[in-house]
Amino acid sequence: MKYLIVIALLINLNQCISFYAKEGVEKCFSDEVPSQTIVVIYHELMSEGVAKNEKRDIPKMIKDGITLNVYGPDGNIVKTAKTIEGKNKMSFTAKTMGRYKFCVIKSKQFWSVNEYKYSIKIQQGVDHNLQDAANKTHVESIKDRISALKNRTDDFISLQQLNREQEDKLTTQSIDISRRVTQTTILQIVVLLASGVYQIWSLKKFFKQRFLM
């Protein structure tokens, strides 16, 4: 059975709190958080290891990690993280004002119950650089998208320009071919007319000579 221990802290949560997290037991800390406030949580599995046996191998014993859950005023989880070993950091923005709970739980092993030294530090509204970095990353992402869109637009304009040049070239070639065909046709008509006139003149001359004889 999982036990629940809720600790309403009277001390400032900006201080680092260290304790032993017992398997199967959830420890919770609560604090009032204003709305639209950035909350940064530093959580660490201490190098001292397991309380019952300091020399045991921590990573092998906590493969599934120690879970840190943040519950909002409505009781729903707003953020969760796993601590395997070493220092970790997570953050979230409180959407609503109220009391938030920060709960640590380690799943219980079947063969034994151990305690792991754990530390947590919660800071409110101090890590504005995180938001600035997020905003900067967002702006950089937008810039990259705009740059990519501009490159695509430039490529499209270049392609249109190339198509126009090819169309102009084809139009010029078509006009030149049409002009040559027209000239050839006129020349053929002139030759045919000249040939007809010559044939008529030859026939007249032939009949004239025939009648005179």
N, C-alpha and C. Protein backbone atom coordinates (compact mmCIF):
# COMPACT_ATOMS: atom_id res chain seq x y z
N MET A 1 0.85 -1.20 0.00
CA MET A 1 0.00 0.00 0.00
C MET A 1 0.87 1.23 0.00
N LYS A 2 0.50 2.21 -0.79
CA LYS A 2 1.29 3.44 -0.89
C LYS A 2 0.82 4.44 0.16
N TYR A 3 1.76 4.97 0.92
CA TYR A 3 1.44 5.95 1.94
C TYR A 3 1.67 7.34 1.38
N LEU A 4 0.97 8.29 1.91
CA LEU A 4 1.06 9.67 1.45
C LEU A 4 1.41 10.56 2.62
N ILE A 5 2.49 11.30 2.49
CA ILE A 5 2.90 12.25 3.51
C ILE A 5 2.90 13.63 2.89
N VAL A 6 2.08 14.51 3.38
CA VAL A 6 2.01 15.88 2.88
C VAL A 6 2.62 16.79 3.90
N ILE A 7 3.59 17.58 3.51
CA ILE A 7 4.29 18.50 4.40
C ILE A 7 3.98 19.92 3.96
N ALA A 8 3.25 20.66 4.78
CA ALA A 8 2.99 22.07 4.48
C ALA A 8 4.15 22.87 5.04
N LEU A 9 5.01 23.35 4.16
CA LEU A 9 6.25 23.97 4.60
C LEU A 9 6.01 25.38 5.11
N LEU A 10 6.63 25.69 6.24
CA LEU A 10 6.60 27.03 6.78
C LEU A 10 7.88 27.78 6.42
N ILE A 11 8.86 27.04 5.88
CA ILE A 11 10.11 27.67 5.48
C ILE A 11 10.02 28.09 4.02
N ASN A 12 10.94 28.90 3.59
CA ASN A 12 10.97 29.36 2.20
C ASN A 12 11.45 28.23 1.31
N LEU A 13 10.66 27.89 0.27
CA LEU A 13 11.03 26.80 -0.61
C LEU A 13 12.19 27.16 -1.52
N ASN A 14 12.63 28.44 -1.47
CA ASN A 14 13.82 28.79 -2.22
C ASN A 14 15.06 28.13 -1.62
N GLN A 15 14.95 27.65 -0.37
CA GLN A 15 16.04 26.91 0.25
C GLN A 15 16.04 25.48 -0.27
N CYS A 16 17.22 24.88 -0.29
CA CYS A 16 17.34 23.50 -0.73
C CYS A 16 16.98 22.57 0.41
N ILE A 17 16.08 21.62 0.14
CA ILE A 17 15.61 20.68 1.16
C ILE A 17 16.14 19.30 0.81
N SER A 18 16.78 18.63 1.78
CA SER A 18 17.27 17.28 1.57
C SER A 18 16.54 16.32 2.51
N PHE A 19 16.24 15.13 2.03
CA PHE A 19 15.53 14.14 2.84
C PHE A 19 15.76 12.77 2.23
N TYR A 20 15.30 11.74 2.93
CA TYR A 20 15.39 10.38 2.43
C TYR A 20 14.03 9.97 1.87
N ALA A 21 14.01 9.61 0.57
CA ALA A 21 12.79 9.15 -0.07
C ALA A 21 12.68 7.64 0.10
N LYS A 22 11.67 7.22 0.80
CA LYS A 22 11.48 5.80 1.07
C LYS A 22 10.63 5.17 -0.03
N GLU A 23 11.01 3.97 -0.41
CA GLU A 23 10.27 3.27 -1.46
C GLU A 23 8.82 3.06 -1.05
N GLY A 24 7.91 3.39 -1.98
CA GLY A 24 6.49 3.19 -1.74
C GLY A 24 5.82 4.30 -0.95
N VAL A 25 6.57 5.31 -0.53
CA VAL A 25 6.01 6.40 0.26
C VAL A 25 6.18 7.71 -0.52
N GLU A 26 5.09 8.43 -0.72
CA GLU A 26 5.12 9.70 -1.44
C GLU A 26 5.25 10.85 -0.46
N LYS A 27 6.25 11.68 -0.66
CA LYS A 27 6.44 12.87 0.15
C LYS A 27 6.08 14.10 -0.67
N CYS A 28 5.27 14.97 -0.10
CA CYS A 28 4.80 16.14 -0.83
C CYS A 28 5.11 17.41 -0.07
N PHE A 29 5.45 18.45 -0.81
CA PHE A 29 5.65 19.79 -0.29
C PHE A 29 4.69 20.71 -1.00
N SER A 30 4.09 21.64 -0.29
CA SER A 30 3.12 22.53 -0.92
C SER A 30 3.54 23.98 -0.74
N ASP A 31 3.11 24.81 -1.68
CA ASP A 31 3.44 26.24 -1.62
C ASP A 31 2.45 27.01 -2.47
N GLU A 32 2.18 28.25 -2.08
CA GLU A 32 1.32 29.12 -2.86
C GLU A 32 2.12 29.71 -4.02
N VAL A 33 1.52 29.67 -5.21
CA VAL A 33 2.18 30.19 -6.40
C VAL A 33 1.23 31.15 -7.10
N PRO A 34 1.65 32.39 -7.37
CA PRO A 34 0.80 33.32 -8.12
C PRO A 34 0.63 32.85 -9.56
N SER A 35 -0.42 33.33 -10.20
CA SER A 35 -0.65 32.98 -11.60
C SER A 35 0.40 33.62 -12.51
N GLN A 36 0.64 32.98 -13.64
CA GLN A 36 1.60 33.44 -14.64
C GLN A 36 3.00 33.62 -14.05
N THR A 37 3.37 32.72 -13.13
CA THR A 37 4.68 32.76 -12.50
C THR A 37 5.51 31.57 -12.97
N ILE A 38 6.76 31.85 -13.30
CA ILE A 38 7.66 30.77 -13.68
C ILE A 38 8.18 30.10 -12.42
N VAL A 39 8.04 28.78 -12.36
CA VAL A 39 8.54 28.00 -11.23
C VAL A 39 9.64 27.08 -11.74
N VAL A 40 10.81 27.17 -11.11
CA VAL A 40 11.94 26.33 -11.49
C VAL A 40 12.23 25.37 -10.34
N ILE A 41 12.38 24.09 -10.67
CA ILE A 41 12.60 23.05 -9.66
C ILE A 41 13.93 22.37 -9.94
N TYR A 42 14.82 22.41 -8.96
CA TYR A 42 16.09 21.69 -9.03
C TYR A 42 15.95 20.44 -8.17
N HIS A 43 16.13 19.27 -8.76
CA HIS A 43 15.98 18.02 -8.00
C HIS A 43 17.19 17.13 -8.26
N GLU A 44 17.64 16.45 -7.20
CA GLU A 44 18.89 15.70 -7.29
C GLU A 44 18.83 14.45 -6.44
N LEU A 45 19.37 13.38 -6.97
CA LEU A 45 19.61 12.17 -6.21
C LEU A 45 21.02 12.29 -5.65
N MET A 46 21.11 12.40 -4.34
CA MET A 46 22.38 12.71 -3.70
C MET A 46 23.37 11.56 -3.85
N SER A 47 24.64 11.90 -3.90
CA SER A 47 25.70 10.91 -4.09
C SER A 47 25.88 10.00 -2.88
N GLU A 48 25.32 10.41 -1.71
CA GLU A 48 25.46 9.57 -0.51
C GLU A 48 24.76 8.23 -0.69
N GLY A 49 23.75 8.20 -1.58
CA GLY A 49 23.13 6.93 -1.93
C GLY A 49 22.04 6.49 -0.98
N VAL A 50 22.02 5.20 -0.72
CA VAL A 50 20.95 4.58 0.03
C VAL A 50 21.27 4.61 1.51
N ALA A 51 20.26 4.97 2.31
CA ALA A 51 20.48 5.14 3.74
C ALA A 51 20.88 3.84 4.42
N LYS A 52 20.30 2.71 3.97
CA LYS A 52 20.56 1.45 4.65
C LYS A 52 21.90 0.83 4.26
N ASN A 53 22.42 1.23 3.13
CA ASN A 53 23.70 0.68 2.70
C ASN A 53 24.37 1.68 1.76
N GLU A 54 25.28 2.48 2.28
CA GLU A 54 25.87 3.58 1.52
C GLU A 54 26.68 3.09 0.32
N LYS A 55 27.14 1.84 0.31
CA LYS A 55 28.04 1.35 -0.74
C LYS A 55 27.31 0.68 -1.89
N ARG A 56 26.00 0.62 -1.86
CA ARG A 56 25.27 -0.07 -2.92
C ARG A 56 25.23 0.78 -4.19
N ASP A 57 25.06 0.13 -5.31
CA ASP A 57 25.08 0.78 -6.62
C ASP A 57 23.72 1.42 -6.88
N ILE A 58 23.66 2.76 -6.83
CA ILE A 58 22.39 3.47 -6.97
C ILE A 58 21.75 3.26 -8.35
N PRO A 59 22.47 3.49 -9.47
CA PRO A 59 21.82 3.34 -10.79
C PRO A 59 21.18 1.99 -11.01
N LYS A 60 21.82 0.90 -10.52
CA LYS A 60 21.25 -0.43 -10.71
C LYS A 60 19.99 -0.62 -9.88
N MET A 61 19.90 0.08 -8.75
CA MET A 61 18.77 -0.13 -7.85
C MET A 61 17.55 0.71 -8.24
N ILE A 62 17.74 1.78 -8.96
CA ILE A 62 16.61 2.66 -9.29
C ILE A 62 16.52 2.86 -10.79
N LYS A 63 16.45 1.75 -11.52
CA LYS A 63 16.38 1.82 -12.98
C LYS A 63 15.17 2.62 -13.44
N ASP A 64 14.05 2.52 -12.68
CA ASP A 64 12.85 3.26 -13.08
C ASP A 64 12.83 4.67 -12.53
N GLY A 65 13.85 5.06 -11.74
CA GLY A 65 13.99 6.42 -11.26
C GLY A 65 13.06 6.79 -10.13
N ILE A 66 13.30 7.96 -9.59
CA ILE A 66 12.42 8.57 -8.60
C ILE A 66 11.57 9.60 -9.33
N THR A 67 10.27 9.53 -9.15
CA THR A 67 9.34 10.38 -9.89
C THR A 67 9.02 11.63 -9.08
N LEU A 68 9.08 12.77 -9.77
CA LEU A 68 8.68 14.05 -9.18
C LEU A 68 7.45 14.54 -9.93
N ASN A 69 6.34 14.67 -9.21
CA ASN A 69 5.09 15.15 -9.80
C ASN A 69 4.72 16.51 -9.21
N VAL A 70 4.25 17.40 -10.08
CA VAL A 70 3.75 18.71 -9.63
C VAL A 70 2.24 18.73 -9.86
N TYR A 71 1.50 18.96 -8.80
CA TYR A 71 0.04 19.00 -8.88
C TYR A 71 -0.44 20.45 -8.76
N GLY A 72 -1.37 20.83 -9.62
CA GLY A 72 -1.95 22.16 -9.57
C GLY A 72 -3.01 22.27 -8.49
N PRO A 73 -3.58 23.46 -8.32
CA PRO A 73 -4.63 23.66 -7.32
C PRO A 73 -5.85 22.77 -7.54
N ASP A 74 -6.07 22.35 -8.78
CA ASP A 74 -7.22 21.49 -9.09
C ASP A 74 -6.92 20.01 -8.88
N GLY A 75 -5.68 19.70 -8.47
CA GLY A 75 -5.31 18.32 -8.20
C GLY A 75 -4.77 17.57 -9.40
N ASN A 76 -4.74 18.19 -10.55
CA ASN A 76 -4.22 17.55 -11.76
C ASN A 76 -2.71 17.77 -11.88
N ILE A 77 -2.03 16.79 -12.49
CA ILE A 77 -0.58 16.91 -12.68
C ILE A 77 -0.30 17.93 -13.79
N VAL A 78 0.53 18.91 -13.47
CA VAL A 78 0.91 19.92 -14.47
C VAL A 78 2.32 19.68 -15.00
N LYS A 79 3.12 18.90 -14.28
CA LYS A 79 4.48 18.61 -14.73
C LYS A 79 4.97 17.36 -14.01
N THR A 80 5.75 16.57 -14.70
CA THR A 80 6.33 15.37 -14.09
C THR A 80 7.72 15.16 -14.64
N ALA A 81 8.59 14.54 -13.82
CA ALA A 81 9.97 14.29 -14.24
C ALA A 81 10.50 13.08 -13.51
N LYS A 82 11.53 12.46 -14.09
CA LYS A 82 12.20 11.32 -13.49
C LYS A 82 13.62 11.72 -13.08
N THR A 83 14.03 11.30 -11.89
CA THR A 83 15.40 11.52 -11.45
C THR A 83 16.09 10.17 -11.38
N ILE A 84 17.03 9.93 -12.28
CA ILE A 84 17.79 8.68 -12.25
C ILE A 84 19.01 8.84 -11.35
N GLU A 85 19.82 9.81 -11.65
CA GLU A 85 20.97 10.13 -10.81
C GLU A 85 21.48 11.51 -11.20
N GLY A 86 22.15 12.14 -10.27
CA GLY A 86 22.74 13.44 -10.53
C GLY A 86 21.73 14.58 -10.45
N LYS A 87 22.17 15.77 -10.86
CA LYS A 87 21.36 16.98 -10.76
C LYS A 87 20.44 17.10 -11.97
N ASN A 88 19.23 17.58 -11.71
CA ASN A 88 18.24 17.77 -12.77
C ASN A 88 17.50 19.08 -12.54
N LYS A 89 16.85 19.53 -13.59
CA LYS A 89 16.13 20.81 -13.52
C LYS A 89 14.92 20.75 -14.42
N MET A 90 13.80 21.25 -13.92
CA MET A 90 12.61 21.39 -14.77
C MET A 90 11.90 22.67 -14.38
N SER A 91 11.03 23.15 -15.23
CA SER A 91 10.32 24.40 -14.97
C SER A 91 8.93 24.35 -15.59
N PHE A 92 8.05 25.19 -15.09
CA PHE A 92 6.71 25.33 -15.66
C PHE A 92 6.19 26.72 -15.30
N THR A 93 5.16 27.15 -16.00
CA THR A 93 4.51 28.42 -15.72
C THR A 93 3.15 28.14 -15.09
N ALA A 94 2.93 28.69 -13.90
CA ALA A 94 1.66 28.49 -13.20
C ALA A 94 0.56 29.25 -13.93
N LYS A 95 -0.41 28.54 -14.47
CA LYS A 95 -1.50 29.17 -15.20
C LYS A 95 -2.51 29.84 -14.27
N THR A 96 -2.69 29.24 -13.09
CA THR A 96 -3.66 29.78 -12.14
C THR A 96 -2.99 29.95 -10.78
N MET A 97 -3.53 30.86 -9.99
CA MET A 97 -3.01 31.10 -8.65
C MET A 97 -3.56 30.03 -7.71
N GLY A 98 -2.76 29.61 -6.74
CA GLY A 98 -3.23 28.63 -5.77
C GLY A 98 -2.09 27.86 -5.16
N ARG A 99 -2.45 26.84 -4.39
CA ARG A 99 -1.45 26.01 -3.72
C ARG A 99 -1.07 24.84 -4.61
N TYR A 100 0.22 24.75 -4.91
CA TYR A 100 0.75 23.67 -5.73
C TYR A 100 1.48 22.67 -4.84
N LYS A 101 1.39 21.40 -5.20
CA LYS A 101 2.07 20.34 -4.46
C LYS A 101 3.20 19.76 -5.31
N PHE A 102 4.32 19.53 -4.65
CA PHE A 102 5.49 18.96 -5.29
C PHE A 102 5.77 17.63 -4.59
N CYS A 103 5.48 16.52 -5.29
CA CYS A 103 5.50 15.20 -4.65
C CYS A 103 6.58 14.32 -5.25
N VAL A 104 7.28 13.59 -4.36
CA VAL A 104 8.35 12.69 -4.74
C VAL A 104 7.94 11.27 -4.35
N ILE A 105 8.09 10.32 -5.28
CA ILE A 105 7.70 8.94 -5.01
C ILE A 105 8.68 8.00 -5.70
N LYS A 106 9.08 6.96 -5.00
CA LYS A 106 9.91 5.89 -5.57
C LYS A 106 9.12 4.60 -5.49
N SER A 107 8.94 3.93 -6.63
CA SER A 107 8.18 2.68 -6.63
C SER A 107 8.85 1.66 -5.74
N LYS A 108 8.05 0.86 -5.10
CA LYS A 108 8.56 -0.11 -4.12
C LYS A 108 9.08 -1.36 -4.81
N GLN A 109 10.26 -1.81 -4.36
CA GLN A 109 10.81 -3.07 -4.84
C GLN A 109 10.17 -4.23 -4.08
N PHE A 110 10.12 -5.39 -4.69
CA PHE A 110 9.45 -6.53 -4.07
C PHE A 110 10.29 -7.14 -2.95
N TRP A 111 11.60 -7.05 -3.11
CA TRP A 111 12.44 -7.81 -2.17
C TRP A 111 12.91 -6.98 -0.97
N SER A 112 12.84 -5.67 -1.09
CA SER A 112 13.34 -4.86 0.03
C SER A 112 12.75 -3.46 -0.03
N VAL A 113 12.94 -2.70 1.00
CA VAL A 113 12.53 -1.31 1.05
C VAL A 113 13.75 -0.47 1.39
N ASN A 114 14.11 0.44 0.50
CA ASN A 114 15.29 1.28 0.70
C ASN A 114 14.89 2.74 0.77
N GLU A 115 15.80 3.54 1.26
CA GLU A 115 15.62 4.99 1.33
C GLU A 115 16.75 5.65 0.56
N TYR A 116 16.39 6.63 -0.25
CA TYR A 116 17.36 7.29 -1.12
C TYR A 116 17.43 8.77 -0.74
N LYS A 117 18.64 9.25 -0.59
CA LYS A 117 18.80 10.66 -0.22
C LYS A 117 18.50 11.54 -1.43
N TYR A 118 17.61 12.48 -1.24
CA TYR A 118 17.07 13.28 -2.34
C TYR A 118 17.03 14.73 -1.90
N SER A 119 17.27 15.63 -2.82
CA SER A 119 17.18 17.06 -2.51
C SER A 119 16.32 17.76 -3.55
N ILE A 120 15.64 18.79 -3.11
CA ILE A 120 14.77 19.55 -4.00
C ILE A 120 14.85 21.03 -3.62
N LYS A 121 14.87 21.86 -4.64
CA LYS A 121 14.88 23.31 -4.44
C LYS A 121 13.90 23.92 -5.42
N ILE A 122 12.98 24.73 -4.93
CA ILE A 122 11.93 25.32 -5.77
C ILE A 122 12.06 26.83 -5.72
N GLN A 123 12.12 27.44 -6.88
CA GLN A 123 12.25 28.89 -6.99
C GLN A 123 11.11 29.43 -7.85
N GLN A 124 10.55 30.53 -7.40
CA GLN A 124 9.44 31.15 -8.13
C GLN A 124 9.89 32.46 -8.75
N GLY A 125 9.60 32.60 -10.04
CA GLY A 125 9.79 33.88 -10.72
C GLY A 125 11.19 34.40 -10.73
N VAL A 126 12.19 33.49 -10.68
CA VAL A 126 13.58 33.96 -10.65
C VAL A 126 14.33 33.61 -11.92
N ASP A 127 13.87 32.61 -12.62
CA ASP A 127 14.59 32.16 -13.81
C ASP A 127 13.99 32.77 -15.08
N HIS A 128 14.01 34.12 -15.11
CA HIS A 128 13.45 34.80 -16.28
C HIS A 128 14.28 34.53 -17.52
N ASN A 129 15.55 34.18 -17.32
CA ASN A 129 16.38 33.86 -18.48
C ASN A 129 15.85 32.66 -19.24
N LEU A 130 15.18 31.76 -18.50
CA LEU A 130 14.60 30.59 -19.15
C LEU A 130 13.52 31.01 -20.13
N GLN A 131 12.64 31.94 -19.67
CA GLN A 131 11.59 32.43 -20.55
C GLN A 131 12.18 33.23 -21.70
N ASP A 132 13.20 34.06 -21.37
CA ASP A 132 13.85 34.84 -22.42
C ASP A 132 14.49 33.92 -23.45
N ALA A 133 15.13 32.84 -22.95
CA ALA A 133 15.74 31.89 -23.88
C ALA A 133 14.69 31.20 -24.73
N ALA A 134 13.55 30.87 -24.10
CA ALA A 134 12.47 30.25 -24.86
C ALA A 134 11.94 31.21 -25.92
N ASN A 135 11.77 32.49 -25.51
CA ASN A 135 11.30 33.49 -26.47
C ASN A 135 12.32 33.68 -27.60
N LYS A 136 13.60 33.70 -27.20
CA LYS A 136 14.64 33.86 -28.21
C LYS A 136 14.66 32.67 -29.16
N THR A 137 14.52 31.46 -28.59
CA THR A 137 14.47 30.26 -29.43
C THR A 137 13.28 30.32 -30.38
N HIS A 138 12.13 30.79 -29.84
CA HIS A 138 10.94 30.90 -30.67
C HIS A 138 11.16 31.91 -31.79
N VAL A 139 11.78 33.05 -31.45
CA VAL A 139 12.06 34.08 -32.46
C VAL A 139 13.03 33.55 -33.51
N GLU A 140 14.08 32.84 -33.03
CA GLU A 140 15.04 32.27 -33.98
C GLU A 140 14.36 31.26 -34.90
N SER A 141 13.45 30.47 -34.32
CA SER A 141 12.71 29.50 -35.14
C SER A 141 11.89 30.21 -36.21
N ILE A 142 11.23 31.31 -35.81
CA ILE A 142 10.44 32.09 -36.77
C ILE A 142 11.35 32.68 -37.85
N LYS A 143 12.52 33.18 -37.42
CA LYS A 143 13.47 33.75 -38.38
C LYS A 143 13.91 32.68 -39.38
N ASP A 144 14.19 31.49 -38.87
CA ASP A 144 14.61 30.39 -39.76
C ASP A 144 13.51 30.06 -40.76
N ARG A 145 12.26 30.05 -40.28
CA ARG A 145 11.14 29.75 -41.18
C ARG A 145 10.98 30.85 -42.22
N ILE A 146 11.13 32.10 -41.78
CA ILE A 146 11.02 33.23 -42.72
C ILE A 146 12.14 33.15 -43.75
N SER A 147 13.35 32.83 -43.27
CA SER A 147 14.49 32.71 -44.20
C SER A 147 14.25 31.59 -45.21
N ALA A 148 13.74 30.45 -44.71
CA ALA A 148 13.46 29.33 -45.62
C ALA A 148 12.36 29.72 -46.62
N LEU A 149 11.34 30.43 -46.12
CA LEU A 149 10.27 30.88 -47.02
C LEU A 149 10.79 31.86 -48.05
N LYS A 150 11.68 32.76 -47.61
CA LYS A 150 12.28 33.73 -48.54
C LYS A 150 13.10 33.01 -49.61
N ASN A 151 13.86 31.99 -49.19
CA ASN A 151 14.66 31.23 -50.16
C ASN A 151 13.76 30.53 -51.18
N ARG A 152 12.66 29.96 -50.67
CA ARG A 152 11.71 29.30 -51.59
C ARG A 152 11.09 30.32 -52.55
N THR A 153 10.76 31.51 -52.00
CA THR A 153 10.18 32.55 -52.84
C THR A 153 11.17 33.00 -53.91
N ASP A 154 12.44 33.17 -53.50
CA ASP A 154 13.47 33.57 -54.46
C ASP A 154 13.64 32.50 -55.54
N ASP A 155 13.62 31.23 -55.11
CA ASP A 155 13.72 30.14 -56.09
C ASP A 155 12.53 30.15 -57.05
N PHE A 156 11.34 30.40 -56.50
CA PHE A 156 10.14 30.45 -57.34
C PHE A 156 10.21 31.60 -58.33
N ILE A 157 10.68 32.77 -57.85
CA ILE A 157 10.82 33.94 -58.73
C ILE A 157 11.86 33.67 -59.82
N SER A 158 12.97 33.03 -59.42
CA SER A 158 14.00 32.69 -60.42
C SER A 158 13.45 31.72 -61.45
N LEU A 159 12.65 30.75 -60.98
CA LEU A 159 12.06 29.79 -61.91
C LEU A 159 11.09 30.49 -62.85
N GLN A 160 10.29 31.43 -62.33
CA GLN A 160 9.38 32.18 -63.18
C GLN A 160 10.15 33.00 -64.21
N GLN A 161 11.25 33.63 -63.75
CA GLN A 161 12.05 34.42 -64.66
C GLN A 161 12.65 33.55 -65.77
N LEU A 162 13.12 32.35 -65.38
CA LEU A 162 13.66 31.42 -66.38
C LEU A 162 12.58 30.99 -67.36
N ASN A 163 11.38 30.73 -66.84
CA ASN A 163 10.26 30.34 -67.73
C ASN A 163 9.91 31.47 -68.70
N ARG A 164 9.91 32.71 -68.16
CA ARG A 164 9.63 33.85 -69.04
C ARG A 164 10.69 33.99 -70.13
N GLU A 165 11.96 33.81 -69.74
CA GLU A 165 13.03 33.90 -70.73
C GLU A 165 12.89 32.81 -71.79
N GLN A 166 12.55 31.59 -71.34
CA GLN A 166 12.36 30.50 -72.30
C GLN A 166 11.16 30.78 -73.20
N GLU A 167 10.08 31.33 -72.62
CA GLU A 167 8.92 31.67 -73.43
C GLU A 167 9.25 32.75 -74.45
N ASP A 168 10.01 33.76 -74.01
CA ASP A 168 10.42 34.82 -74.94
C ASP A 168 11.28 34.25 -76.07
N LYS A 169 12.19 33.32 -75.69
CA LYS A 169 13.04 32.71 -76.70
C LYS A 169 12.23 31.89 -77.70
N LEU A 170 11.26 31.12 -77.15
CA LEU A 170 10.41 30.32 -78.03
C LEU A 170 9.53 31.21 -78.91
N THR A 171 9.06 32.32 -78.35
CA THR A 171 8.24 33.26 -79.12
C THR A 171 9.05 33.86 -80.26
N THR A 172 10.30 34.25 -79.93
CA THR A 172 11.18 34.82 -80.96
C THR A 172 11.45 33.80 -82.06
N GLN A 173 11.71 32.55 -81.63
CA GLN A 173 11.94 31.50 -82.62
C GLN A 173 10.70 31.26 -83.48
N SER A 174 9.53 31.27 -82.84
CA SER A 174 8.28 31.07 -83.60
C SER A 174 8.06 32.17 -84.61
N ILE A 175 8.32 33.42 -84.18
CA ILE A 175 8.16 34.56 -85.10
C ILE A 175 9.14 34.44 -86.26
N ASP A 176 10.38 34.05 -85.97
CA ASP A 176 11.38 33.91 -87.02
C ASP A 176 10.99 32.80 -88.00
N ILE A 177 10.52 31.67 -87.45
CA ILE A 177 10.09 30.57 -88.32
C ILE A 177 8.89 30.99 -89.18
N SER A 178 7.94 31.69 -88.55
CA SER A 178 6.78 32.16 -89.32
C SER A 178 7.20 33.12 -90.42
N ARG A 179 8.15 33.99 -90.13
CA ARG A 179 8.62 34.93 -91.14
C ARG A 179 9.28 34.20 -92.31
N ARG A 180 10.09 33.19 -91.96
CA ARG A 180 10.76 32.42 -93.02
C ARG A 180 9.74 31.63 -93.86
N VAL A 181 8.76 31.05 -93.18
CA VAL A 181 7.73 30.31 -93.92
C VAL A 181 6.97 31.24 -94.85
N THR A 182 6.66 32.45 -94.36
CA THR A 182 5.94 33.42 -95.19
C THR A 182 6.78 33.82 -96.40
N GLN A 183 8.05 34.09 -96.15
CA GLN A 183 8.93 34.46 -97.26
C GLN A 183 9.02 33.32 -98.28
N THR A 184 9.18 32.08 -97.76
CA THR A 184 9.27 30.93 -98.68
C THR A 184 7.98 30.77 -99.48
N THR A 185 6.84 30.96 -98.82
CA THR A 185 5.55 30.83 -99.50
C THR A 185 5.40 31.89 -100.60
N ILE A 186 5.79 33.13 -100.28
CA ILE A 186 5.71 34.21 -101.27
C ILE A 186 6.62 33.91 -102.46
N LEU A 187 7.82 33.40 -102.15
CA LEU A 187 8.76 33.08 -103.21
C LEU A 187 8.20 31.98 -104.10
N GLN A 188 7.56 30.96 -103.47
CA GLN A 188 6.97 29.88 -104.25
C GLN A 188 5.83 30.41 -105.14
N ILE A 189 5.03 31.31 -104.60
CA ILE A 189 3.93 31.89 -105.38
C ILE A 189 4.47 32.67 -106.57
N VAL A 190 5.54 33.44 -106.33
CA VAL A 190 6.14 34.22 -107.42
C VAL A 190 6.68 33.29 -108.50
N VAL A 191 7.35 32.21 -108.04
CA VAL A 191 7.90 31.25 -109.02
C VAL A 191 6.78 30.60 -109.82
N LEU A 192 5.69 30.21 -109.11
CA LEU A 192 4.56 29.59 -109.80
C LEU A 192 3.93 30.56 -110.80
N LEU A 193 3.76 31.82 -110.40
CA LEU A 193 3.20 32.82 -111.30
C LEU A 193 4.10 33.03 -112.52
N ALA A 194 5.41 33.11 -112.25
CA ALA A 194 6.36 33.32 -113.35
C ALA A 194 6.33 32.12 -114.30
N SER A 195 6.26 30.92 -113.68
CA SER A 195 6.21 29.71 -114.51
C SER A 195 4.94 29.67 -115.35
N GLY A 196 3.80 30.06 -114.73
CA GLY A 196 2.54 30.09 -115.48
C GLY A 196 2.56 31.08 -116.62
N VAL A 197 3.09 32.28 -116.32
CA VAL A 197 3.19 33.31 -117.36
C VAL A 197 4.08 32.82 -118.49
N TYR A 198 5.20 32.18 -118.11
CA TYR A 198 6.12 31.69 -119.13
C TYR A 198 5.47 30.61 -119.98
N GLN A 199 4.71 29.71 -119.32
CA GLN A 199 4.05 28.64 -120.08
C GLN A 199 2.99 29.22 -121.03
N ILE A 200 2.22 30.20 -120.57
CA ILE A 200 1.22 30.83 -121.44
C ILE A 200 1.90 31.52 -122.63
N TRP A 201 2.97 32.23 -122.36
CA TRP A 201 3.70 32.92 -123.44
C TRP A 201 4.26 31.91 -124.44
N SER A 202 4.77 30.78 -123.90
CA SER A 202 5.34 29.75 -124.79
C SER A 202 4.25 29.14 -125.67
N LEU A 203 3.07 28.89 -125.09
CA LEU A 203 1.97 28.31 -125.86
C LEU A 203 1.50 29.27 -126.96
N LYS A 204 1.37 30.52 -126.63
CA LYS A 204 0.97 31.52 -127.63
C LYS A 204 1.97 31.57 -128.78
N LYS A 205 3.21 31.56 -128.43
CA LYS A 205 4.25 31.62 -129.45
C LYS A 205 4.22 30.39 -130.33
N PHE A 206 3.99 29.22 -129.68
CA PHE A 206 3.92 27.96 -130.44
C PHE A 206 2.76 27.97 -131.43
N PHE A 207 1.58 28.35 -130.99
CA PHE A 207 0.41 28.36 -131.87
C PHE A 207 0.54 29.42 -132.97
N LYS A 208 1.14 30.53 -132.62
CA LYS A 208 1.32 31.58 -133.62
C LYS A 208 2.23 31.07 -134.76
N GLN A 209 3.33 30.45 -134.38
CA GLN A 209 4.22 29.91 -135.38
C GLN A 209 3.55 28.81 -136.20
N ARG A 210 2.70 28.01 -135.58
CA ARG A 210 2.01 26.89 -136.26
C ARG A 210 1.03 27.42 -137.30
N PHE A 211 0.30 28.45 -136.92
CA PHE A 211 -0.67 29.02 -137.86
C PHE A 211 0.03 29.74 -139.04
N LEU A 212 1.13 30.33 -138.81
CA LEU A 212 1.86 31.04 -139.87
C LEU A 212 2.42 30.08 -140.90
N MET A 213 2.75 28.93 -140.42
CA MET A 213 3.27 27.93 -141.35
C MET A 213 2.11 27.33 -142.17
